[in-house]
């Protein structure tokens, strides 16, 4: 009974408390209801903002420049690092005219912002953006401290130095809604292809921001070597930040091809063709050492097949990367055969352009390399007696590059006179005198020039053999400053003597693109638009710009095309139309006006 009394008392007490507390609880319920209504309204506001942003971003996919005419397609072809002598040698070697012979249009000058002799990154920047820059820079403004006395700043150095510059590839995609493609026989992150698709102050950052830019820059087709720059270091690759860019590509809908058979089977975009872990093979070496790699002409044909499916047209850049390396190596057979294979790619492009009638084809080297000429010091007094056979027969017996010959010598046990003689006879059909073989050995490792440039074994091999057994001469192992040829066909084809920056403007004009306006749209310095922001360097290889507002925060991962908005109600990541670029030398972060607009819609200012 006592238990029941205690229970009854407890129930009465609870009832009394509830009666007394009733009005207060009712007031709390009303306040909670009001808060729920406010949250509901704020949630509705966020959803409305989000829907507005998504509709706008979707509208950009067809290009924001409108249909203002212009050519449908542009194909740019670059035999890196050669001049007219390479054409002459290639023509004699194959015994027939070259395709480029019929579309010769003029010559181009190519000094860079800080040297009369350009580097490949700076040259490609000029071709892709219309602006000159510093050695090793890729589509960013030059550093101010060492520009040439003749350099003219397009805007004050305080704002232009290290600022990203829009490329015509980016313009073709964003302004005109065209498909875009890059082909090289180097790593896809090497200087020439990289300049069209990334913005970096050091071409050496291939396994860092360069490859990241090229993955996140929405390039529809990339063919070449360099898969290692997509793979984390722990898996044997070169990405020290451990980001798996192959997985990123897969998540973004890309198909990965690794052999010619897989390339031939491709039917749709987007695609990355990674045909080598590092660089692809030289054209003369490929059939022997890596026959699964496609030739440059085959890659060009497949790229045109895929890119031309876009009714708005396409932009394609094709680089014969290793013509340049032949010049550095002073290797005449490499130079001749890689240029001939480049010429075959030109024929593929030209045949398409002639049938299509709406395609501009442009071709040009970025500079000369090695200073090759026909007629060396062995012919000082006998140059008028040089026969075709004397010129080409020593090369006809060569079945590989000097680099591959050096590898064959290593397989024999290393660089001895006997091994050099044996390998040269087997692979180059040359009987090399013992004193010439010793000269090769003695030259290896010798340091030359102002900076003590060391001569490698394959360089010594090709240079000494050229001197003693061919009519080919070389002036250096570096780049050279003379004007180089321009080839052009189709609507808007240029003629005459031009600067390398004019060739970017030629593409922009052909497509009727306002690149000055695009630069203003793509590269807004965040410090000019927001009172404050921070750069999170927790992962120094992947800085993140962070901004805060009254009810939302924003994160912009650099080297990507993403913006994440965080609110109390939702986190939302937007895929931006263009990259976010960090300039470490100035500490500036550049993002597009679209990114700025989105953040301000969320009250971040």
Protein backbone atom coordinates (compact mmCIF):
# COMPACT_ATOMS: atom_id res chain seq x y z
CA UNK A 1 0.00 0.00 0.00
CA UNK A 2 2.81 2.41 0.82
CA UNK A 3 4.22 1.97 -2.65
CA UNK A 4 0.87 2.85 -4.26
CA UNK A 5 0.57 6.01 -2.14
CA UNK A 6 4.05 7.14 -3.22
CA UNK A 7 3.20 6.48 -6.85
CA UNK A 8 -0.07 8.45 -6.62
CA UNK A 9 1.72 11.39 -5.03
CA UNK A 10 4.33 11.37 -7.75
CA UNK A 11 1.68 11.36 -10.50
CA UNK A 12 -0.17 14.24 -8.84
CA UNK A 13 3.04 16.21 -8.58
CA UNK A 14 3.82 15.66 -12.27
CA UNK A 15 0.30 16.71 -13.24
CA UNK A 16 0.61 19.92 -11.22
CA UNK A 17 3.97 20.75 -12.75
CA UNK A 18 2.61 20.24 -16.25
CA UNK A 19 -0.39 22.46 -15.55
CA UNK A 20 1.76 25.21 -14.12
CA UNK A 21 4.29 24.95 -16.97
CA UNK A 22 1.67 24.81 -19.74
CA UNK A 23 1.79 28.49 -20.79
CA UNK A 24 5.60 28.56 -20.89
CA UNK A 25 5.78 25.43 -23.01
CA UNK A 26 3.21 26.86 -25.36
CA UNK A 27 5.33 29.97 -25.76
CA UNK A 28 8.42 27.84 -26.48
CA UNK A 29 6.47 25.84 -29.04
CA UNK A 30 5.47 29.07 -30.77
CA UNK A 31 9.07 30.27 -30.82
CA UNK A 32 10.28 26.94 -32.19
CA UNK A 33 7.57 27.10 -34.84
CA UNK A 34 8.72 30.58 -35.80
CA UNK A 35 12.33 29.38 -36.00
CA UNK A 36 11.26 26.41 -38.10
CA UNK A 37 9.47 28.78 -40.45
CA UNK A 38 12.54 31.00 -40.71
CA UNK A 39 14.79 27.99 -41.32
CA UNK A 40 12.34 26.73 -43.89
CA UNK A 41 12.40 30.09 -45.65
CA UNK A 42 16.21 30.23 -45.53
CA UNK A 43 16.37 26.68 -46.84
CA UNK A 44 14.02 27.68 -49.65
CA UNK A 45 16.21 30.72 -50.36
CA UNK A 46 19.34 28.52 -50.55
CA UNK A 47 17.56 26.11 -52.89
CA UNK A 48 16.45 29.02 -55.09
CA UNK A 49 20.00 30.37 -55.25
CA UNK A 50 21.32 26.90 -56.03
CA UNK A 51 18.78 26.37 -58.81
CA UNK A 52 19.64 29.76 -60.31
CA UNK A 53 23.35 28.92 -60.29
CA UNK A 54 22.86 25.47 -61.82
CA UNK A 55 20.70 26.90 -64.62
CA UNK A 56 23.34 29.49 -65.37
CA UNK A 57 26.23 27.00 -65.35
CA UNK A 58 24.27 24.67 -67.62
CA UNK A 59 23.73 27.54 -70.05
CA UNK A 60 27.50 27.97 -70.47
CA UNK A 61 28.03 24.55 -72.04
CA UNK A 62 27.14 25.83 -75.50
CA UNK A 63 29.68 28.65 -75.30
CA UNK A 64 29.16 32.18 -74.03
CA UNK A 65 30.41 34.02 -77.10
CA UNK A 66 27.33 33.38 -79.20
CA UNK A 67 27.32 32.39 -82.85
CA UNK A 68 29.15 35.31 -84.43
CA UNK A 69 30.45 33.34 -87.37
CA UNK A 70 34.07 32.38 -87.87
CA UNK A 71 35.61 29.17 -89.07
CA UNK A 72 34.34 25.90 -87.67
CA UNK A 73 37.64 24.19 -86.88
CA UNK A 74 41.30 25.08 -86.32
CA UNK A 75 44.12 22.53 -86.37
CA UNK A 76 47.57 23.69 -85.19
CA UNK A 77 50.56 21.44 -85.88
CA UNK A 78 53.96 22.07 -84.27
CA UNK A 79 57.19 20.27 -85.18
CA UNK A 80 59.01 21.37 -82.06
CA UNK A 81 62.54 22.67 -82.51
CA UNK A 82 63.48 22.80 -86.19
CA UNK A 83 63.91 25.12 -89.13
CA UNK A 84 64.15 25.02 -92.90
CA UNK A 85 67.19 22.72 -92.90
CA UNK A 86 65.08 19.95 -91.34
CA UNK A 87 62.62 20.22 -94.22
CA UNK A 88 65.43 20.11 -96.75
CA UNK A 89 66.98 17.02 -95.19
CA UNK A 90 63.60 15.28 -94.84
CA UNK A 91 62.77 15.99 -98.48
CA UNK A 92 66.06 14.57 -99.72
CA UNK A 93 65.79 11.59 -97.37
CA UNK A 94 62.33 10.51 -98.54
CA UNK A 95 63.04 11.43 -102.16
CA UNK A 96 59.76 13.30 -102.66
CA UNK A 97 58.12 16.65 -101.85
CA UNK A 98 56.66 17.23 -98.41
CA UNK A 99 53.05 18.08 -97.68
CA UNK A 100 54.12 21.31 -95.99
CA UNK A 101 55.78 22.42 -99.23
CA UNK A 102 52.39 23.20 -100.76
CA UNK A 103 51.18 25.40 -97.90
CA UNK A 104 54.26 27.50 -97.08
CA UNK A 105 52.96 30.89 -95.93
CA UNK A 106 55.85 32.80 -94.36
CA UNK A 107 58.10 32.88 -91.32
CA UNK A 108 57.70 33.71 -87.65
CA UNK A 109 59.90 35.49 -85.12
CA UNK A 110 59.98 33.99 -81.66
CA UNK A 111 62.01 35.81 -79.00
CA UNK A 112 60.58 35.53 -75.48
CA UNK A 113 60.18 38.20 -72.80
CA UNK A 114 63.61 37.67 -71.25
CA UNK A 115 65.80 36.29 -74.06
CA UNK A 116 66.41 36.59 -77.79
CA UNK A 117 66.55 32.76 -77.86
CA UNK A 118 63.26 31.35 -76.62
CA UNK A 119 62.42 28.32 -74.51
CA UNK A 120 59.63 25.96 -75.50
CA UNK A 121 57.29 26.93 -72.64
CA UNK A 122 57.55 30.63 -73.44
CA UNK A 123 57.18 30.00 -77.18
CA UNK A 124 54.09 27.86 -76.66
CA UNK A 125 52.66 30.55 -74.39
CA UNK A 126 53.02 33.06 -77.22
CA UNK A 127 51.32 30.69 -79.69
CA UNK A 128 48.51 29.84 -77.28
CA UNK A 129 47.80 33.21 -75.60
CA UNK A 130 49.19 35.94 -77.85
CA UNK A 131 51.56 37.17 -75.12
CA UNK A 132 55.27 36.70 -74.49
CA UNK A 133 56.54 35.44 -71.18
CA UNK A 134 59.60 34.30 -69.25
CA UNK A 135 61.57 31.10 -69.76
CA UNK A 136 59.82 28.06 -68.22
CA UNK A 137 56.56 29.98 -67.68
CA UNK A 138 53.34 28.47 -69.03
CA UNK A 139 50.54 30.88 -69.94
CA UNK A 140 51.21 33.33 -67.13
CA UNK A 141 52.66 36.84 -67.35
CA UNK A 142 56.46 37.27 -67.22
CA UNK A 143 58.49 38.11 -64.17
CA UNK A 144 59.51 41.78 -64.18
CA UNK A 145 63.16 41.70 -63.17
CA UNK A 146 64.84 40.43 -66.34
CA UNK A 147 62.72 41.32 -69.37
CA UNK A 148 64.50 42.36 -72.56
CA UNK A 149 65.06 46.05 -73.21
CA UNK A 150 62.72 45.73 -76.19
CA UNK A 151 59.87 44.08 -74.26
CA UNK A 152 56.65 46.12 -74.06
CA UNK A 153 54.35 45.46 -71.12
CA UNK A 154 50.72 45.00 -72.22
CA UNK A 155 49.64 46.29 -68.80
CA UNK A 156 51.53 47.32 -65.64
CA UNK A 157 53.87 44.62 -64.40
CA UNK A 158 52.33 44.87 -60.94
CA UNK A 159 49.15 43.25 -62.24
CA UNK A 160 50.41 41.30 -65.28
CA UNK A 161 53.39 39.45 -63.79
CA UNK A 162 52.50 35.84 -62.90
CA UNK A 163 48.83 36.44 -63.79
CA UNK A 164 47.26 33.58 -65.77
CA UNK A 165 46.45 34.36 -69.40
CA UNK A 166 43.59 32.73 -71.29
CA UNK A 167 44.57 30.39 -74.11
CA UNK A 168 42.78 30.04 -77.43
CA UNK A 169 41.99 26.45 -76.47
CA UNK A 170 40.14 27.73 -73.41
CA UNK A 171 38.49 30.34 -75.59
CA UNK A 172 37.34 27.76 -78.13
CA UNK A 173 35.64 25.76 -75.38
CA UNK A 174 34.21 28.57 -73.27
CA UNK A 175 33.34 31.17 -75.90
CA UNK A 176 32.34 28.95 -78.80
CA UNK A 177 31.33 25.63 -77.25
CA UNK A 178 33.85 23.75 -79.39
CA UNK A 179 35.52 20.47 -78.56
CA UNK A 180 39.24 20.68 -77.77
CA UNK A 181 42.18 18.33 -78.12
CA UNK A 182 45.92 18.10 -77.50
CA UNK A 183 48.33 15.57 -79.02
CA UNK A 184 52.04 15.15 -78.33
CA UNK A 185 54.69 12.46 -78.53
CA UNK A 186 56.10 13.74 -75.25
CA UNK A 187 54.45 13.55 -71.86
CA UNK A 188 51.15 15.41 -72.12
CA UNK A 189 52.45 17.73 -69.38
CA UNK A 190 55.54 18.75 -71.37
CA UNK A 191 56.02 22.41 -72.28
CA UNK A 192 54.22 22.70 -75.61
CA UNK A 193 50.99 20.80 -74.86
CA UNK A 194 50.90 22.15 -71.31
CA UNK A 195 50.92 25.79 -72.40
CA UNK A 196 47.51 25.38 -74.04
CA UNK A 197 45.89 23.82 -70.98
CA UNK A 198 47.58 25.07 -67.81
CA UNK A 199 48.89 28.18 -66.03
CA UNK A 200 52.13 27.74 -64.10
CA UNK A 201 55.36 29.63 -63.46
CA UNK A 202 57.50 26.50 -63.80
CA UNK A 203 57.26 23.91 -66.56
CA UNK A 204 58.95 21.46 -64.20
CA UNK A 205 55.80 21.07 -62.06
CA UNK A 206 54.50 18.28 -64.28
CA UNK A 207 53.54 16.00 -61.40
CA UNK A 208 51.97 18.87 -59.46
CA UNK A 209 49.78 21.69 -60.73
CA UNK A 210 50.41 21.22 -64.48
CA UNK A 211 48.83 17.77 -64.71
CA UNK A 212 46.12 18.84 -62.29
CA UNK A 213 45.23 21.85 -64.47
CA UNK A 214 45.08 19.69 -67.57
CA UNK A 215 42.77 17.16 -65.91
CA UNK A 216 40.42 19.78 -64.47
CA UNK A 217 40.43 22.09 -67.53
CA UNK A 218 37.82 20.00 -69.39
CA UNK A 219 39.98 19.23 -72.43
CA UNK A 220 37.97 16.71 -74.41
CA UNK A 221 40.88 14.72 -75.87
CA UNK A 222 44.48 14.28 -74.76
CA UNK A 223 46.81 11.87 -76.58
CA UNK A 224 50.45 11.35 -75.65
CA UNK A 225 52.67 9.94 -72.94
CA UNK A 226 53.05 10.76 -69.27
CA UNK A 227 50.65 8.53 -67.37
CA UNK A 228 53.06 8.69 -64.44
CA UNK A 229 51.94 12.27 -63.74
CA UNK A 230 48.41 11.03 -63.09
CA UNK A 231 49.43 8.36 -60.57
CA UNK A 232 50.23 8.75 -56.82
CA UNK A 233 53.86 8.26 -55.82
CA UNK A 234 52.90 5.40 -53.51
CA UNK A 235 51.67 3.55 -56.61
CA UNK A 236 54.89 4.23 -58.51
CA UNK A 237 53.81 7.50 -60.12
CA UNK A 238 55.06 11.07 -59.80
CA UNK A 239 52.23 12.66 -57.80
CA UNK A 240 53.71 13.43 -54.39
CA UNK A 241 50.36 14.86 -53.28
CA UNK A 242 48.92 11.33 -53.69
CA UNK A 243 45.94 12.55 -55.72
CA UNK A 244 44.82 9.82 -58.11
CA UNK A 245 44.12 11.80 -61.27
CA UNK A 246 43.33 8.64 -63.23
CA UNK A 247 40.42 8.11 -60.86
CA UNK A 248 39.43 11.76 -61.24
CA UNK A 249 39.35 11.32 -65.01
CA UNK A 250 37.24 8.18 -64.68
CA UNK A 251 34.85 9.94 -62.31
CA UNK A 252 34.52 12.77 -64.84
CA UNK A 253 33.54 10.34 -67.59
CA UNK A 254 36.83 9.95 -69.45
CA UNK A 255 37.81 6.76 -71.17
CA UNK A 256 41.49 5.81 -70.83
CA UNK A 257 43.26 4.25 -73.84
CA UNK A 258 46.79 2.85 -73.58
CA UNK A 259 47.49 1.17 -76.94
CA UNK A 260 46.81 1.82 -80.60
CA UNK A 261 44.18 -0.94 -80.56
CA UNK A 262 42.36 0.72 -77.67
CA UNK A 263 42.66 4.10 -79.40
CA UNK A 264 41.22 2.74 -82.63
CA UNK A 265 38.21 1.40 -80.70
CA UNK A 266 37.28 4.80 -79.26
CA UNK A 267 33.94 6.19 -80.42
CA UNK A 268 33.15 9.00 -77.99
CA UNK A 269 34.65 11.87 -76.03
CA UNK A 270 36.07 12.62 -73.52
CA UNK A 271 39.23 10.53 -73.63
CA UNK A 272 42.81 10.45 -72.35
CA UNK A 273 45.15 8.35 -74.49
CA UNK A 274 48.14 7.56 -72.26
CA UNK A 275 50.38 5.55 -74.57
CA UNK A 276 53.53 5.63 -72.43
CA UNK A 277 54.45 5.90 -68.77
CA UNK A 278 56.79 8.79 -69.61
CA UNK A 279 57.52 10.00 -73.16
CA UNK A 280 56.47 8.04 -76.22
CA UNK A 281 59.18 6.59 -78.46
CA UNK A 282 60.77 8.37 -81.39
CA UNK A 283 59.02 7.48 -84.63
CA UNK A 284 61.99 5.47 -85.92
CA UNK A 285 62.27 3.56 -82.61
CA UNK A 286 58.59 2.89 -82.04
CA UNK A 287 58.12 -0.11 -84.41
CA UNK A 288 61.03 -1.94 -82.78
CA UNK A 289 60.77 -1.04 -79.13
CA UNK A 290 57.11 -0.12 -78.54
CA UNK A 291 54.95 -1.15 -81.51
CA UNK A 292 51.75 -0.76 -79.46
CA UNK A 293 52.21 3.03 -79.50
CA UNK A 294 50.31 4.84 -82.26
CA UNK A 295 52.08 7.03 -84.81
CA UNK A 296 51.48 10.77 -84.80
CA UNK A 297 49.41 10.63 -87.99
CA UNK A 298 47.21 7.88 -86.53
CA UNK A 299 46.60 9.91 -83.37
CA UNK A 300 45.75 12.94 -85.50
CA UNK A 301 43.27 11.00 -87.63
CA UNK A 302 41.50 9.53 -84.59
CA UNK A 303 41.38 12.91 -82.86
CA UNK A 304 39.78 14.57 -85.89
CA UNK A 305 37.27 11.72 -86.15
CA UNK A 306 36.20 12.19 -82.53
CA UNK A 307 36.39 15.97 -82.25
CA UNK A 308 34.51 16.60 -85.49
CA UNK A 309 31.39 15.01 -83.99
CA UNK A 310 30.71 18.35 -82.29
CA UNK A 311 28.46 20.38 -84.65
CA UNK A 312 30.01 23.59 -83.29
CA UNK A 313 33.48 22.48 -84.39
CA UNK A 314 36.78 21.91 -82.64
CA UNK A 315 40.28 23.12 -81.84
CA UNK A 316 43.19 20.65 -82.02
CA UNK A 317 46.91 21.11 -81.36
CA UNK A 318 49.30 18.40 -82.60
CA UNK A 319 52.96 18.41 -81.55
CA UNK A 320 55.78 16.33 -82.99
CA UNK A 321 57.65 16.79 -79.74
CA UNK A 322 60.82 14.92 -80.54
CA UNK A 323 62.01 16.81 -83.59
CA UNK A 324 63.35 19.19 -80.95
CA UNK A 325 65.05 16.41 -79.01
CA UNK A 326 66.77 15.28 -82.21
CA UNK A 327 68.20 18.77 -82.53
CA UNK A 328 69.38 18.82 -78.93
CA UNK A 329 71.00 15.43 -79.55
CA UNK A 330 72.52 16.48 -82.91
CA UNK A 331 70.93 13.33 -84.33
CA UNK A 332 70.20 13.63 -88.07
CA UNK A 333 68.25 10.38 -88.51
CA UNK A 334 65.97 11.25 -85.60
CA UNK A 335 65.45 14.73 -87.03
CA UNK A 336 64.65 13.51 -90.54
CA UNK A 337 62.35 10.64 -89.60
CA UNK A 338 60.38 12.48 -86.92
CA UNK A 339 59.84 15.41 -89.29
CA UNK A 340 58.63 13.07 -92.04
CA UNK A 341 56.13 11.54 -89.61
CA UNK A 342 55.06 15.05 -88.63
CA UNK A 343 54.51 15.79 -92.31
CA UNK A 344 52.26 12.73 -92.53
CA UNK A 345 50.16 14.18 -89.70
CA UNK A 346 49.96 17.46 -91.63
CA UNK A 347 48.63 15.51 -94.60
CA UNK A 348 45.87 14.01 -92.44
CA UNK A 349 44.87 17.47 -91.25
CA UNK A 350 45.13 19.02 -94.69
CA UNK A 351 43.08 16.30 -96.35
CA UNK A 352 40.35 16.86 -93.77
CA UNK A 353 40.48 20.63 -94.24
CA UNK A 354 40.24 20.36 -98.02
CA UNK A 355 37.21 18.10 -97.80
CA UNK A 356 35.60 20.09 -95.00
CA UNK A 357 36.05 23.62 -96.34
CA UNK A 358 35.54 25.15 -92.88
CA UNK A 359 38.91 24.39 -91.29
CA UNK A 360 42.01 26.52 -90.82
CA UNK A 361 45.28 24.56 -90.67
CA UNK A 362 48.32 26.26 -89.15
CA UNK A 363 51.79 24.76 -88.79
CA UNK A 364 55.00 26.19 -87.38
CA UNK A 365 58.02 25.20 -85.27
CA UNK A 366 58.33 27.03 -81.97
CA UNK A 367 62.05 27.67 -82.60
CA UNK A 368 65.05 25.92 -84.12
CA UNK A 369 67.23 23.52 -82.13
CA UNK A 370 70.81 22.38 -82.69
CA UNK A 371 71.43 24.71 -85.63
CA UNK A 372 71.49 21.84 -88.14
CA UNK A 373 72.68 22.54 -91.66
CA UNK A 374 73.55 20.53 -94.75
CA UNK A 375 77.27 20.93 -95.35
CA UNK A 376 79.72 20.65 -92.46
CA UNK A 377 83.41 21.46 -92.04
CA UNK A 378 84.37 18.23 -93.79
CA UNK A 379 82.97 19.89 -96.90
CA UNK A 380 84.64 23.29 -96.50
CA UNK A 381 86.41 22.92 -99.83
CA UNK A 382 84.23 20.27 -101.42
CA UNK A 383 80.70 21.54 -100.86
CA UNK A 384 80.00 21.80 -104.58
CA UNK A 385 80.69 18.09 -105.02
CA UNK A 386 78.12 16.74 -102.53
CA UNK A 387 75.95 14.08 -104.16
CA UNK A 388 72.51 12.91 -103.11
CA UNK A 389 73.98 9.54 -102.19
CA UNK A 390 76.66 11.11 -100.00
CA UNK A 391 73.96 13.04 -98.18
CA UNK A 392 71.36 10.33 -97.63
CA UNK A 393 73.15 6.96 -97.74
CA UNK A 394 74.82 7.27 -94.32
CA UNK A 395 71.36 7.94 -92.86
CA UNK A 396 69.59 5.18 -94.78
CA UNK A 397 71.50 2.52 -92.86
CA UNK A 398 70.43 3.91 -89.47
CA UNK A 399 67.58 1.97 -87.87
CA UNK A 400 67.29 3.77 -84.52
CA UNK A 401 68.06 7.04 -82.78
CA UNK A 402 71.35 7.77 -81.07
CA UNK A 403 69.58 7.37 -77.74
CA UNK A 404 68.52 3.84 -78.59
CA UNK A 405 71.97 3.08 -79.99
CA UNK A 406 73.42 4.19 -76.65
CA UNK A 407 71.04 1.76 -74.93
CA UNK A 408 72.23 -1.04 -77.22
CA UNK A 409 75.83 -0.20 -76.35
CA UNK A 410 74.92 -0.41 -72.66
CA UNK A 411 73.47 -3.86 -73.27
CA UNK A 412 76.82 -4.89 -74.75
CA UNK A 413 78.57 -3.84 -71.55
CA UNK A 414 79.06 -0.10 -71.83
CA UNK A 415 80.93 2.53 -73.80
CA UNK A 416 84.11 0.89 -75.04
CA UNK A 417 85.66 1.26 -78.46
CA UNK A 418 84.73 -2.30 -79.40
CA UNK A 419 81.13 -1.98 -78.22
CA UNK A 420 80.62 1.32 -80.04
CA UNK A 421 82.00 -0.23 -83.23
CA UNK A 422 79.83 -3.33 -82.92
CA UNK A 423 76.59 -1.47 -82.20
CA UNK A 424 77.20 1.14 -84.89
CA UNK A 425 77.74 -1.58 -87.47
CA UNK A 426 74.61 -3.52 -86.42
CA UNK A 427 72.17 -0.63 -85.98
CA UNK A 428 73.63 2.17 -88.12
CA UNK A 429 75.44 0.16 -90.80
CA UNK A 430 78.55 2.23 -90.17
CA UNK A 431 82.10 0.99 -89.82
CA UNK A 432 83.45 3.32 -87.16
CA UNK A 433 87.19 3.83 -86.86
CA UNK A 434 88.73 3.17 -83.46
CA UNK A 435 89.93 6.75 -83.10
CA UNK A 436 86.41 8.05 -83.81
CA UNK A 437 84.95 5.69 -81.20
CA UNK A 438 87.55 6.96 -78.73
CA UNK A 439 86.60 10.55 -79.59
CA UNK A 440 83.01 9.73 -78.62
CA UNK A 441 84.19 8.34 -75.28
CA UNK A 442 86.46 11.34 -74.65
CA UNK A 443 83.69 13.85 -75.40
CA UNK A 444 81.22 12.23 -73.02
CA UNK A 445 80.90 14.27 -69.85
CA UNK A 446 82.84 17.23 -71.21
CA UNK A 447 81.39 20.53 -70.02
CA UNK A 448 80.91 23.27 -72.60
CA UNK A 449 79.63 26.81 -72.75
CA UNK A 450 78.84 29.55 -70.24
CA UNK A 451 76.98 27.29 -67.83
CA UNK A 452 79.18 24.20 -68.08
CA UNK A 453 76.69 22.19 -70.16
CA UNK A 454 77.71 18.52 -69.85
CA UNK A 455 77.71 16.40 -73.01
CA UNK A 456 75.90 13.10 -72.48
CA UNK A 457 76.93 9.87 -74.18
CA UNK A 458 74.14 9.81 -76.78
CA UNK A 459 74.85 13.47 -77.58
CA UNK A 460 78.53 12.72 -78.10
CA UNK A 461 77.66 9.66 -80.18
CA UNK A 462 75.44 11.55 -82.63
CA UNK A 463 77.63 14.64 -82.77
CA UNK A 464 80.89 12.81 -83.53
CA UNK A 465 79.25 10.45 -86.04
CA UNK A 466 77.62 13.44 -87.79
CA UNK A 467 80.99 15.13 -88.06
CA UNK A 468 82.91 12.16 -89.46
CA UNK A 469 80.37 10.12 -91.43
CA UNK A 470 77.69 12.54 -92.70
CA UNK A 471 77.43 15.88 -94.46
CA UNK A 472 75.34 17.27 -91.59
CA UNK A 473 76.66 20.09 -89.41
CA UNK A 474 75.46 21.39 -86.04
CA UNK A 475 76.11 24.64 -84.21
CA UNK A 476 74.90 23.77 -80.69
CA UNK A 477 72.97 21.42 -78.44
CA UNK A 478 70.55 24.22 -77.58
CA UNK A 479 67.88 26.38 -79.17
CA UNK A 480 68.56 28.92 -81.91
CA UNK A 481 67.03 32.31 -82.65
CA UNK A 482 66.53 32.47 -86.42
CA UNK A 483 63.05 32.85 -87.90
CA UNK A 484 61.24 29.57 -88.58
CA UNK A 485 58.70 28.66 -91.30
CA UNK A 486 54.93 29.00 -91.12
CA UNK A 487 52.53 26.81 -93.08
CA UNK A 488 48.86 27.68 -93.47
CA UNK A 489 45.76 26.61 -95.36
CA UNK A 490 42.10 27.55 -95.20
CA UNK A 491 39.97 30.54 -94.27
CA UNK A 492 41.98 33.23 -92.52
CA UNK A 493 45.36 31.70 -93.39
CA UNK A 494 48.12 34.23 -92.61
CA UNK A 495 50.98 35.22 -94.92
CA UNK A 496 54.35 36.94 -94.61
CA UNK A 497 56.66 37.61 -91.69
CA UNK A 498 54.88 37.53 -88.36
CA UNK A 499 55.55 37.36 -84.65
CA UNK A 500 54.72 34.16 -82.80
CA UNK A 501 52.06 36.04 -80.81
CA UNK A 502 50.31 36.82 -84.12
CA UNK A 503 49.61 33.12 -84.58
CA UNK A 504 47.47 33.02 -81.42
CA UNK A 505 45.66 36.11 -82.63
CA UNK A 506 45.13 34.38 -85.97
CA UNK A 507 43.26 31.55 -84.20
CA UNK A 508 41.24 34.00 -82.11
CA UNK A 509 40.32 36.00 -85.21
CA UNK A 510 39.40 32.86 -87.15
CA UNK A 511 37.02 31.82 -84.38
CA UNK A 512 35.91 35.45 -83.83
CA UNK A 513 36.80 35.31 -80.14
CA UNK A 514 37.34 38.33 -77.90
CA UNK A 515 40.27 37.06 -75.88
CA UNK A 516 40.77 40.34 -74.01
CA UNK A 517 37.25 40.05 -72.62
CA UNK A 518 37.79 36.38 -71.77
CA UNK A 519 40.92 37.26 -69.79
CA UNK A 520 38.90 39.72 -67.74
CA UNK A 521 36.20 37.11 -67.12
CA UNK A 522 38.48 34.20 -66.20
CA UNK A 523 41.13 35.80 -64.01
CA UNK A 524 39.70 37.92 -61.22
CA UNK A 525 42.17 38.56 -58.40
CA UNK A 526 40.17 37.59 -55.28
CA UNK A 527 41.84 40.39 -53.33
CA UNK A 528 40.19 42.91 -55.67
CA UNK A 529 36.68 41.57 -54.96
CA UNK A 530 36.64 40.46 -51.33
CA UNK A 531 37.61 42.22 -48.11
CA UNK A 532 39.58 39.24 -46.92
CA UNK A 533 40.32 35.62 -47.60
CA UNK A 534 42.87 33.08 -46.45
CA UNK A 535 44.92 30.45 -48.20
CA UNK A 536 44.93 27.13 -46.41
CA UNK A 537 48.39 25.59 -46.95
CA UNK A 538 47.79 22.49 -44.83
CA UNK A 539 48.66 20.55 -47.98
CA UNK A 540 51.27 22.83 -49.61
CA UNK A 541 50.82 21.12 -52.96
CA UNK A 542 47.08 21.77 -52.90
CA UNK A 543 46.36 25.21 -51.45
CA UNK A 544 42.72 26.14 -50.82
CA UNK A 545 41.36 29.70 -50.85
CA UNK A 546 38.81 30.19 -48.06
CA UNK A 547 36.27 33.00 -47.72
CA UNK A 548 33.54 33.68 -45.16
CA UNK A 549 30.26 35.59 -45.15
CA UNK A 550 27.47 36.20 -42.66
CA UNK A 551 25.76 32.86 -43.31
CA UNK A 552 27.95 30.96 -45.77
CA UNK A 553 31.60 30.01 -46.26
CA UNK A 554 33.40 29.21 -49.50
CA UNK A 555 36.34 26.98 -50.41
CA UNK A 556 38.19 27.21 -53.74
CA UNK A 557 40.73 24.39 -54.21
CA UNK A 558 43.49 25.80 -56.39
CA UNK A 559 44.32 24.05 -59.68
CA UNK A 560 40.78 22.69 -59.91
CA UNK A 561 37.45 23.85 -61.33
CA UNK A 562 35.45 23.50 -58.12
CA UNK A 563 33.80 25.81 -55.59
CA UNK A 564 32.30 24.48 -52.35
CA UNK A 565 29.74 26.56 -50.44
CA UNK A 566 29.09 25.62 -46.82
CA UNK A 567 26.01 26.80 -44.91
CA UNK A 568 24.23 25.67 -41.76
CA UNK A 569 21.75 23.83 -43.94
CA UNK A 570 23.74 22.36 -46.80
CA UNK A 571 27.18 21.92 -48.37
CA UNK A 572 27.19 22.34 -52.13
CA UNK A 573 30.07 21.89 -54.62
CA UNK A 574 29.79 23.58 -58.00
CA UNK A 575 31.78 22.59 -61.07
CA UNK A 576 33.05 25.90 -62.42
CA UNK A 577 33.55 26.53 -66.15
CA UNK A 578 37.23 27.34 -65.59
CA UNK A 579 40.19 26.82 -63.28
CA UNK A 580 41.13 28.44 -60.00
CA UNK A 581 44.81 29.43 -60.24
CA UNK A 582 47.23 30.20 -57.41
CA UNK A 583 50.31 32.34 -58.16
CA UNK A 584 52.81 31.45 -55.40
CA UNK A 585 55.23 34.27 -56.21
CA UNK A 586 52.59 36.94 -55.54
CA UNK A 587 50.29 35.03 -53.20
CA UNK A 588 47.33 35.86 -55.42
CA UNK A 589 44.44 33.57 -56.23
CA UNK A 590 42.57 34.02 -59.50
CA UNK A 591 39.06 32.77 -60.12
CA UNK A 592 36.43 33.52 -62.72
CA UNK A 593 33.69 36.12 -62.47
CA UNK A 594 31.31 33.16 -62.30
CA UNK A 595 32.95 31.97 -59.08
CA UNK A 596 32.83 35.51 -57.68
CA UNK A 597 29.16 35.83 -58.63
CA UNK A 598 28.23 32.54 -56.94
CA UNK A 599 29.99 33.50 -53.73
CA UNK A 600 28.31 36.89 -53.62
CA UNK A 601 24.91 35.29 -54.16
CA UNK A 602 25.60 33.46 -50.92
CA UNK A 603 26.37 36.71 -49.12
CA UNK A 604 30.15 36.39 -49.17
CA UNK A 605 31.73 39.77 -49.80
